[in-house]
Amino acid sequence: MSEFRCKLVKTVDDSYDIEIGRGLEGRLIDDIAGGAFGKIRNFAVITDTNVMELYGAKICEELKNNGFNAHLFVIQAGELSKTRETKSFIEDSMLGAGLRRDCMVIAVGGGVVSDLAGFVAGTFGRGVPFIIYSTTLLSAADASIGGKVAVDTPLATNQIGVFYQPKKVYIDIAAWMTLPAREIRCGLAETIKHACIADKEFFEYLENNIGKVFEFDLEVCENIAKRNCEIKYNVVMRDEREQNLRAVLNLGHTVGRATETASGYALLHGEAVAIGLSAQLKLAERYGYISHENARRVEDLLVKAGLPITIPKSIRKQLIIDKLYTDKKVRDGKLRFVFQKEIGDMMCFDGSYTAEVCENDVAVVLTQM
């Protein structure tokens, strides 16, 4: 018998910049034309039906006007498009357009688009570079940092994917003005989550200023976008591959994702996360991790943002419980949650940021909701 060791030690620098501003389409084109991402000439611009006319088609056309080979690929807006089937459709369309390993993917839109386009980029040609041009507050708060790109399946959300970092992120606050109020509220759910996780002062800032987001106050919007990025970055940089600490970013998502799926995606992601945060608060108060006063403060802020904190009567409790077992934190068939510690901190249990939770306790909370 013989043996040969393949030693493949790698040092990888996946650092990238996040630019926050208004009307950044020109900045994106200038960066590409100026060689900020190398000598790439071929681009796949991936967007959705909501964003195509506002930004996607314009960016694609400007690339062509600057002498680049650019193709526009449009998916139907909404979480229902974040599937393996849609990913295959985009990949086949890119191959049909003649795109190969020398291309770059540009994701123009919200979280669904960046998740899907990032996953395409991570596997197309065994990996091509990609850029995120974020047009929603939810994407700015959640999908723009972390490199977790994935699709949903009928059995679970975000369980099929890879870790793959973008080359740059552009957060266009001007695009928020094109969003319906419901989409703004969804982004605020993730924003409130970040404040609960890591920054009591930011939470207090939101209590005093959250209404100004709906007025598109530039200073408030830029501050919220930047603080979201900083909080998520400070977690991701310490645990990029979600071995332990990064689980805290799942605050509210255990019940949230289950409820979102159980609703058939009638609930938007941020709305479901708000419901999940409320469920987590009730469990945290039950276990003594948060005071009644602070739990009410968080729920009051969610309500102030126009977000739901109760489960729609049309969704069966048992269906939510069944969906909980598809959560990525489940171990040995046992439910696990992350919990906030008052406001601005997270519970740590003997070195782990997740704790086993009895199904009966969850069922009691869901009944209350």
Protein backbone atom coordinates (compact mmCIF):
# COMPACT_ATOMS: atom_id res chain seq x y z
CA MET A 1 0.00 0.00 0.00
CA SER A 2 1.24 3.49 -0.84
CA GLU A 3 0.11 6.87 0.36
CA PHE A 4 0.58 10.39 -0.97
CA ARG A 5 -0.41 13.54 0.89
CA CYS A 6 -1.80 16.51 -1.06
CA LYS A 7 -0.88 19.52 1.02
CA LEU A 8 -3.11 22.46 0.07
CA VAL A 9 -2.68 25.23 2.62
CA LYS A 10 -4.31 28.47 1.50
CA THR A 11 -4.22 32.05 2.67
CA VAL A 12 -7.17 33.91 1.16
CA ASP A 13 -7.99 37.61 1.38
CA ASP A 14 -11.72 38.05 0.71
CA SER A 15 -11.83 41.69 1.82
CA TYR A 16 -14.12 44.03 -0.07
CA ASP A 17 -15.49 47.55 0.13
CA ILE A 18 -19.05 48.66 0.81
CA GLU A 19 -20.00 52.02 -0.68
CA ILE A 20 -23.08 53.77 0.72
CA GLY A 21 -24.62 56.68 -1.13
CA ARG A 22 -27.27 57.86 -3.56
CA GLY A 23 -27.42 57.18 -7.30
CA LEU A 24 -24.37 54.91 -7.44
CA GLU A 25 -24.97 53.49 -10.94
CA GLY A 26 -22.39 55.86 -12.44
CA ARG A 27 -19.92 54.99 -9.70
CA LEU A 28 -20.32 51.29 -10.48
CA ILE A 29 -19.69 51.83 -14.21
CA ASP A 30 -16.69 54.07 -13.51
CA ASP A 31 -15.17 51.45 -11.21
CA ILE A 32 -15.55 48.74 -13.84
CA ALA A 33 -14.25 50.94 -16.66
CA GLY A 34 -11.33 52.05 -14.49
CA GLY A 35 -10.20 48.48 -13.91
CA ALA A 36 -11.15 48.24 -10.24
CA PHE A 37 -12.08 44.58 -10.79
CA GLY A 38 -9.43 43.70 -13.33
CA LYS A 39 -9.74 43.36 -17.09
CA ILE A 40 -13.13 41.64 -17.18
CA ARG A 41 -15.11 42.44 -20.33
CA ASN A 42 -18.11 40.11 -19.99
CA PHE A 43 -20.94 40.66 -17.51
CA ALA A 44 -24.12 38.91 -16.42
CA VAL A 45 -26.50 41.45 -14.86
CA ILE A 46 -29.05 39.57 -12.76
CA THR A 47 -32.11 41.44 -11.52
CA ASP A 48 -35.84 40.93 -10.91
CA THR A 49 -39.07 42.21 -12.40
CA ASN A 50 -39.40 44.95 -9.77
CA VAL A 51 -35.94 46.40 -10.31
CA MET A 52 -35.37 45.73 -14.02
CA GLU A 53 -36.72 49.01 -15.37
CA LEU A 54 -35.48 51.11 -12.47
CA TYR A 55 -31.88 49.90 -12.31
CA GLY A 56 -31.11 46.54 -13.94
CA ALA A 57 -31.68 47.44 -17.58
CA LYS A 58 -30.00 50.83 -17.12
CA ILE A 59 -26.83 49.33 -15.66
CA CYS A 60 -26.70 46.70 -18.40
CA GLU A 61 -27.14 49.34 -21.10
CA GLU A 62 -24.45 51.58 -19.61
CA LEU A 63 -22.02 48.66 -19.62
CA LYS A 64 -22.72 48.15 -23.32
CA ASN A 65 -22.30 51.86 -23.98
CA ASN A 66 -18.85 51.62 -22.41
CA GLY A 67 -17.81 48.82 -24.73
CA PHE A 68 -18.48 45.84 -22.47
CA ASN A 69 -20.29 42.63 -23.38
CA ALA A 70 -23.27 42.62 -21.00
CA HIS A 71 -26.37 40.42 -20.79
CA LEU A 72 -29.47 41.02 -18.67
CA PHE A 73 -31.16 38.12 -16.88
CA VAL A 74 -34.48 38.82 -15.16
CA ILE A 75 -36.26 36.66 -12.57
CA GLN A 76 -39.72 37.08 -11.12
CA ALA A 77 -39.59 39.22 -7.98
CA GLY A 78 -40.16 37.46 -4.65
CA GLU A 79 -38.88 34.64 -2.45
CA LEU A 80 -40.60 32.02 -4.61
CA SER A 81 -37.94 32.62 -7.26
CA LYS A 82 -35.08 31.66 -4.95
CA THR A 83 -34.99 28.03 -6.09
CA ARG A 84 -32.66 25.51 -7.68
CA GLU A 85 -34.83 25.66 -10.79
CA THR A 86 -34.35 29.42 -11.17
CA LYS A 87 -30.62 29.04 -10.57
CA SER A 88 -30.43 26.41 -13.32
CA PHE A 89 -32.40 28.65 -15.66
CA ILE A 90 -29.97 31.53 -15.14
CA GLU A 91 -26.93 29.28 -15.56
CA ASP A 92 -28.28 27.77 -18.77
CA SER A 93 -29.16 31.25 -20.05
CA MET A 94 -25.65 32.50 -19.28
CA LEU A 95 -24.10 29.56 -21.10
CA GLY A 96 -26.47 30.12 -24.01
CA ALA A 97 -25.34 33.76 -24.18
CA GLY A 98 -21.75 32.62 -24.53
CA LEU A 99 -20.63 33.59 -21.03
CA ARG A 100 -17.85 31.49 -19.54
CA ARG A 101 -15.29 31.64 -16.74
CA ASP A 102 -14.05 35.08 -17.78
CA CYS A 103 -17.30 36.82 -16.82
CA MET A 104 -18.49 38.71 -13.75
CA VAL A 105 -21.96 38.60 -12.19
CA ILE A 106 -23.65 41.81 -11.05
CA ALA A 107 -26.62 41.33 -8.69
CA VAL A 108 -28.98 44.30 -8.93
CA GLY A 109 -31.82 44.18 -6.42
CA GLY A 110 -32.68 42.98 -2.95
CA GLY A 111 -31.80 39.93 -0.89
CA VAL A 112 -33.42 37.34 -3.15
CA VAL A 113 -31.45 38.58 -6.15
CA SER A 114 -28.13 38.81 -4.28
CA ASP A 115 -28.58 35.37 -2.68
CA LEU A 116 -29.43 33.76 -5.99
CA ALA A 117 -26.90 35.65 -8.11
CA GLY A 118 -24.17 35.07 -5.53
CA PHE A 119 -24.86 31.33 -5.57
CA VAL A 120 -24.75 31.36 -9.38
CA ALA A 121 -21.42 33.19 -9.26
CA GLY A 122 -20.04 30.77 -6.69
CA THR A 123 -20.64 27.74 -8.90
CA PHE A 124 -20.62 29.04 -12.51
CA GLY A 125 -17.31 28.03 -14.08
CA ARG A 126 -16.39 26.80 -10.57
CA GLY A 127 -16.53 30.38 -9.35
CA VAL A 128 -16.60 33.79 -11.03
CA PRO A 129 -16.44 37.21 -9.30
CA PHE A 130 -19.61 39.09 -8.44
CA ILE A 131 -20.78 42.51 -7.29
CA ILE A 132 -23.88 43.43 -5.29
CA TYR A 133 -25.81 46.57 -6.17
CA SER A 134 -28.27 46.70 -3.27
CA THR A 135 -31.59 48.47 -3.84
CA THR A 136 -33.47 47.63 -0.62
CA LEU A 137 -33.05 48.37 3.07
CA LEU A 138 -33.49 44.64 3.79
CA SER A 139 -30.60 43.76 1.50
CA ALA A 140 -28.46 46.53 2.98
CA ALA A 141 -29.15 45.20 6.46
CA ASP A 142 -28.84 41.51 5.74
CA ALA A 143 -27.70 40.15 2.39
CA SER A 144 -24.94 42.64 1.60
CA ILE A 145 -22.52 41.28 4.20
CA GLY A 146 -21.55 37.75 5.08
CA GLY A 147 -21.15 35.84 1.85
CA LYS A 148 -23.91 33.32 2.61
CA VAL A 149 -25.60 32.69 -0.73
CA ALA A 150 -28.25 30.03 -1.16
CA VAL A 151 -31.61 28.90 -2.49
CA ASP A 152 -34.74 27.53 -0.85
CA THR A 153 -36.32 24.12 -1.33
CA PRO A 154 -39.84 22.88 -0.52
CA LEU A 155 -38.40 21.36 2.67
CA ALA A 156 -36.20 24.17 3.98
CA THR A 157 -34.91 27.69 3.35
CA ASN A 158 -31.29 28.58 2.62
CA GLN A 159 -30.02 25.04 3.18
CA ILE A 160 -28.52 24.65 -0.30
CA GLY A 161 -25.73 27.14 -0.90
CA VAL A 162 -22.12 28.19 -0.39
CA PHE A 163 -20.04 30.83 1.36
CA TYR A 164 -18.91 33.20 -1.39
CA GLN A 165 -17.86 36.81 -0.95
CA PRO A 166 -18.54 39.66 -3.41
CA LYS A 167 -15.85 41.92 -4.82
CA LYS A 168 -17.75 45.04 -3.78
CA VAL A 169 -21.15 46.13 -2.48
CA TYR A 170 -22.94 49.32 -3.50
CA ILE A 171 -25.82 50.38 -1.22
CA ASP A 172 -27.96 52.88 -3.10
CA ILE A 173 -30.12 54.71 -0.58
CA ALA A 174 -31.91 56.58 -3.38
CA ALA A 175 -33.41 53.24 -4.40
CA TRP A 176 -35.19 53.05 -1.04
CA MET A 177 -37.45 55.87 -2.20
CA THR A 178 -38.85 53.56 -4.89
CA LEU A 179 -39.88 50.94 -2.33
CA PRO A 180 -43.37 50.47 -0.89
CA ALA A 181 -43.61 51.08 2.87
CA ARG A 182 -44.01 47.34 3.44
CA GLU A 183 -40.51 46.71 2.05
CA ILE A 184 -39.02 49.46 4.22
CA ARG A 185 -40.61 47.87 7.27
CA CYS A 186 -39.03 44.52 6.37
CA GLY A 187 -35.60 46.09 6.32
CA LEU A 188 -36.23 47.63 9.71
CA ALA A 189 -36.91 44.17 11.16
CA GLU A 190 -33.32 43.13 10.43
CA THR A 191 -32.10 46.52 11.64
CA ILE A 192 -33.87 46.12 14.99
CA LYS A 193 -32.44 42.59 15.21
CA HIS A 194 -28.91 43.94 14.81
CA ALA A 195 -29.47 46.50 17.56
CA CYS A 196 -30.78 43.78 19.88
CA ILE A 197 -27.71 41.66 19.17
CA ALA A 198 -24.93 44.16 19.65
CA ASP A 199 -25.72 47.81 20.26
CA LYS A 200 -27.97 49.22 22.98
CA GLU A 201 -27.19 52.80 21.90
CA PHE A 202 -28.23 51.99 18.34
CA PHE A 203 -31.46 50.53 19.69
CA GLU A 204 -32.15 53.78 21.52
CA TYR A 205 -31.32 55.70 18.33
CA LEU A 206 -33.93 53.64 16.49
CA GLU A 207 -36.49 54.29 19.20
CA ASN A 208 -36.01 58.01 18.58
CA ASN A 209 -35.55 58.05 14.80
CA ILE A 210 -37.22 55.07 13.18
CA GLY A 211 -40.07 57.18 11.78
CA LYS A 212 -37.57 59.29 9.84
CA VAL A 213 -36.68 56.31 7.67
CA PHE A 214 -40.14 56.50 6.09
CA GLU A 215 -39.46 60.19 5.41
CA PHE A 216 -36.17 59.18 3.72
CA ASP A 217 -34.13 61.42 5.98
CA LEU A 218 -30.71 61.06 4.36
CA GLU A 219 -28.64 61.33 7.54
CA VAL A 220 -30.77 58.74 9.36
CA CYS A 221 -30.85 56.34 6.39
CA GLU A 222 -27.08 56.52 5.88
CA ASN A 223 -26.45 56.02 9.58
CA ILE A 224 -28.76 53.00 9.69
CA ALA A 225 -27.16 51.49 6.58
CA LYS A 226 -23.66 51.97 7.95
CA ARG A 227 -24.44 50.68 11.44
CA ASN A 228 -26.14 47.58 10.01
CA CYS A 229 -23.01 46.82 8.02
CA GLU A 230 -20.69 47.43 10.97
CA ILE A 231 -22.64 45.18 13.35
CA LYS A 232 -22.93 42.31 10.90
CA TYR A 233 -19.29 42.66 9.83
CA ASN A 234 -18.08 42.52 13.44
CA VAL A 235 -19.79 39.14 13.78
CA VAL A 236 -18.90 37.71 10.38
CA MET A 237 -15.21 38.63 10.58
CA ARG A 238 -14.93 36.52 13.73
CA ASP A 239 -16.87 33.54 12.40
CA GLU A 240 -17.21 33.64 8.61
CA ARG A 241 -18.18 29.96 8.29
CA GLU A 242 -20.81 29.99 11.03
CA GLN A 243 -19.07 27.64 13.43
CA ASN A 244 -20.46 29.33 16.55
CA LEU A 245 -20.70 33.12 17.03
CA ARG A 246 -22.31 33.83 13.65
CA ALA A 247 -25.39 31.95 14.85
CA VAL A 248 -26.36 35.13 16.76
CA LEU A 249 -27.35 36.68 13.41
CA ASN A 250 -30.10 34.07 13.39
CA LEU A 251 -31.90 35.88 16.22
CA GLY A 252 -35.62 35.71 15.48
CA HIS A 253 -35.07 33.56 12.41
CA THR A 254 -35.86 30.19 13.96
CA VAL A 255 -39.58 30.83 14.32
CA GLY A 256 -39.34 33.53 11.66
CA ARG A 257 -38.20 31.29 8.82
CA ALA A 258 -40.62 28.56 9.85
CA THR A 259 -43.51 31.02 9.84
CA GLU A 260 -42.43 32.53 6.52
CA THR A 261 -42.40 29.11 4.88
CA ALA A 262 -45.63 28.02 6.56
CA SER A 263 -47.34 31.13 5.18
CA GLY A 264 -46.44 30.07 1.66
CA TYR A 265 -44.37 33.30 1.55
CA ALA A 266 -47.49 35.41 1.95
CA LEU A 267 -45.45 36.96 4.77
CA LEU A 268 -42.37 38.82 3.62
CA HIS A 269 -39.06 37.90 5.21
CA GLY A 270 -38.87 40.93 7.50
CA GLU A 271 -42.44 40.44 8.68
CA ALA A 272 -41.69 36.83 9.56
CA VAL A 273 -38.48 37.84 11.34
CA ALA A 274 -40.45 40.34 13.45
CA ILE A 275 -42.81 37.53 14.49
CA GLY A 276 -39.80 35.35 15.22
CA LEU A 277 -38.22 38.09 17.34
CA SER A 278 -41.42 38.32 19.36
CA ALA A 279 -41.43 34.54 19.89
CA GLN A 280 -37.80 34.64 20.96
CA LEU A 281 -38.56 37.46 23.40
CA LYS A 282 -41.34 35.47 25.04
CA LEU A 283 -39.08 32.44 25.41
CA ALA A 284 -36.19 34.61 26.65
CA GLU A 285 -38.41 36.23 29.26
CA ARG A 286 -39.71 32.80 30.29
CA TYR A 287 -36.11 31.60 30.81
CA GLY A 288 -34.95 34.78 32.57
CA TYR A 289 -32.67 36.10 29.82
CA ILE A 290 -34.50 39.40 29.38
CA SER A 291 -36.63 41.55 31.66
CA HIS A 292 -40.31 42.12 30.98
CA GLU A 293 -39.57 45.83 30.51
CA ASN A 294 -36.92 45.27 27.83
CA ALA A 295 -38.97 42.62 26.06
CA ARG A 296 -41.83 45.13 25.78
CA ARG A 297 -39.43 47.81 24.51
CA VAL A 298 -38.37 45.56 21.64
CA GLU A 299 -41.95 44.64 20.78
CA ASP A 300 -42.99 48.29 21.00
CA LEU A 301 -40.23 49.23 18.54
CA LEU A 302 -41.33 46.49 16.14
CA VAL A 303 -44.89 47.81 16.30
CA LYS A 304 -43.65 51.38 15.85
CA ALA A 305 -41.95 50.20 12.66
CA GLY A 306 -45.28 48.79 11.48
CA LEU A 307 -44.23 45.16 11.85
CA PRO A 308 -46.38 42.23 13.06
CA ILE A 309 -45.70 40.52 16.39
CA THR A 310 -48.52 37.96 16.23
CA ILE A 311 -49.02 34.95 13.97
CA PRO A 312 -51.77 35.24 11.34
CA LYS A 313 -54.72 33.02 12.22
CA SER A 314 -54.50 31.38 8.80
CA ILE A 315 -51.21 29.67 9.74
CA ARG A 316 -51.51 26.46 11.74
CA LYS A 317 -49.32 26.24 14.83
CA GLN A 318 -48.39 22.62 14.13
CA LEU A 319 -47.16 23.49 10.65
CA ILE A 320 -44.80 26.08 12.13
CA ILE A 321 -43.53 23.51 14.65
CA ASP A 322 -42.94 20.99 11.88
CA LYS A 323 -40.98 23.59 9.89
CA LEU A 324 -38.84 24.41 12.94
CA TYR A 325 -37.12 21.04 12.52
CA THR A 326 -35.72 22.09 9.13
CA ASP A 327 -33.74 24.89 10.84
CA LYS A 328 -29.97 24.66 10.34
CA LYS A 329 -29.35 24.90 14.11
CA VAL A 330 -31.18 21.63 14.84
CA ARG A 331 -28.82 19.02 16.28
CA ASP A 332 -29.69 15.36 16.89
CA GLY A 333 -33.34 16.16 16.26
CA LYS A 334 -33.41 18.83 19.00
CA LEU A 335 -34.52 22.43 18.50
CA ARG A 336 -31.93 25.09 19.25
CA PHE A 337 -32.43 28.84 19.56
CA VAL A 338 -30.25 31.90 20.00
CA PHE A 339 -31.39 34.42 22.62
CA GLN A 340 -30.69 38.04 23.28
CA LYS A 341 -29.43 39.07 26.72
CA GLU A 342 -31.49 42.13 27.57
CA ILE A 343 -30.80 44.65 24.74
CA GLY A 344 -27.46 44.86 22.94
CA ASP A 345 -25.95 41.53 24.00
CA MET A 346 -26.43 37.81 23.39
CA MET A 347 -26.66 34.81 25.66
CA CYS A 348 -23.70 32.43 25.65
CA PHE A 349 -24.16 28.91 27.02
CA ASP A 350 -20.88 27.23 28.03
CA GLY A 351 -19.14 28.66 24.98
CA SER A 352 -22.04 28.11 22.58
CA TYR A 353 -24.46 30.77 21.36
CA THR A 354 -27.27 28.28 20.81
CA ALA A 355 -29.33 26.51 23.46
CA GLU A 356 -31.59 23.47 23.27
CA VAL A 357 -35.26 24.36 23.62
CA CYS A 358 -38.14 22.05 24.48
CA GLU A 359 -40.81 21.81 21.78
CA ASN A 360 -43.52 22.16 24.42
CA ASP A 361 -42.14 25.56 25.47
CA VAL A 362 -42.20 26.74 21.87
CA ALA A 363 -45.75 25.43 21.46
CA VAL A 364 -46.89 27.40 24.52
CA VAL A 365 -45.39 30.61 23.10
CA LEU A 366 -46.91 30.03 19.65
CA THR A 367 -50.30 29.52 21.25
CA GLN A 368 -49.91 32.86 23.08
CA MET A 369 -49.14 34.51 19.75
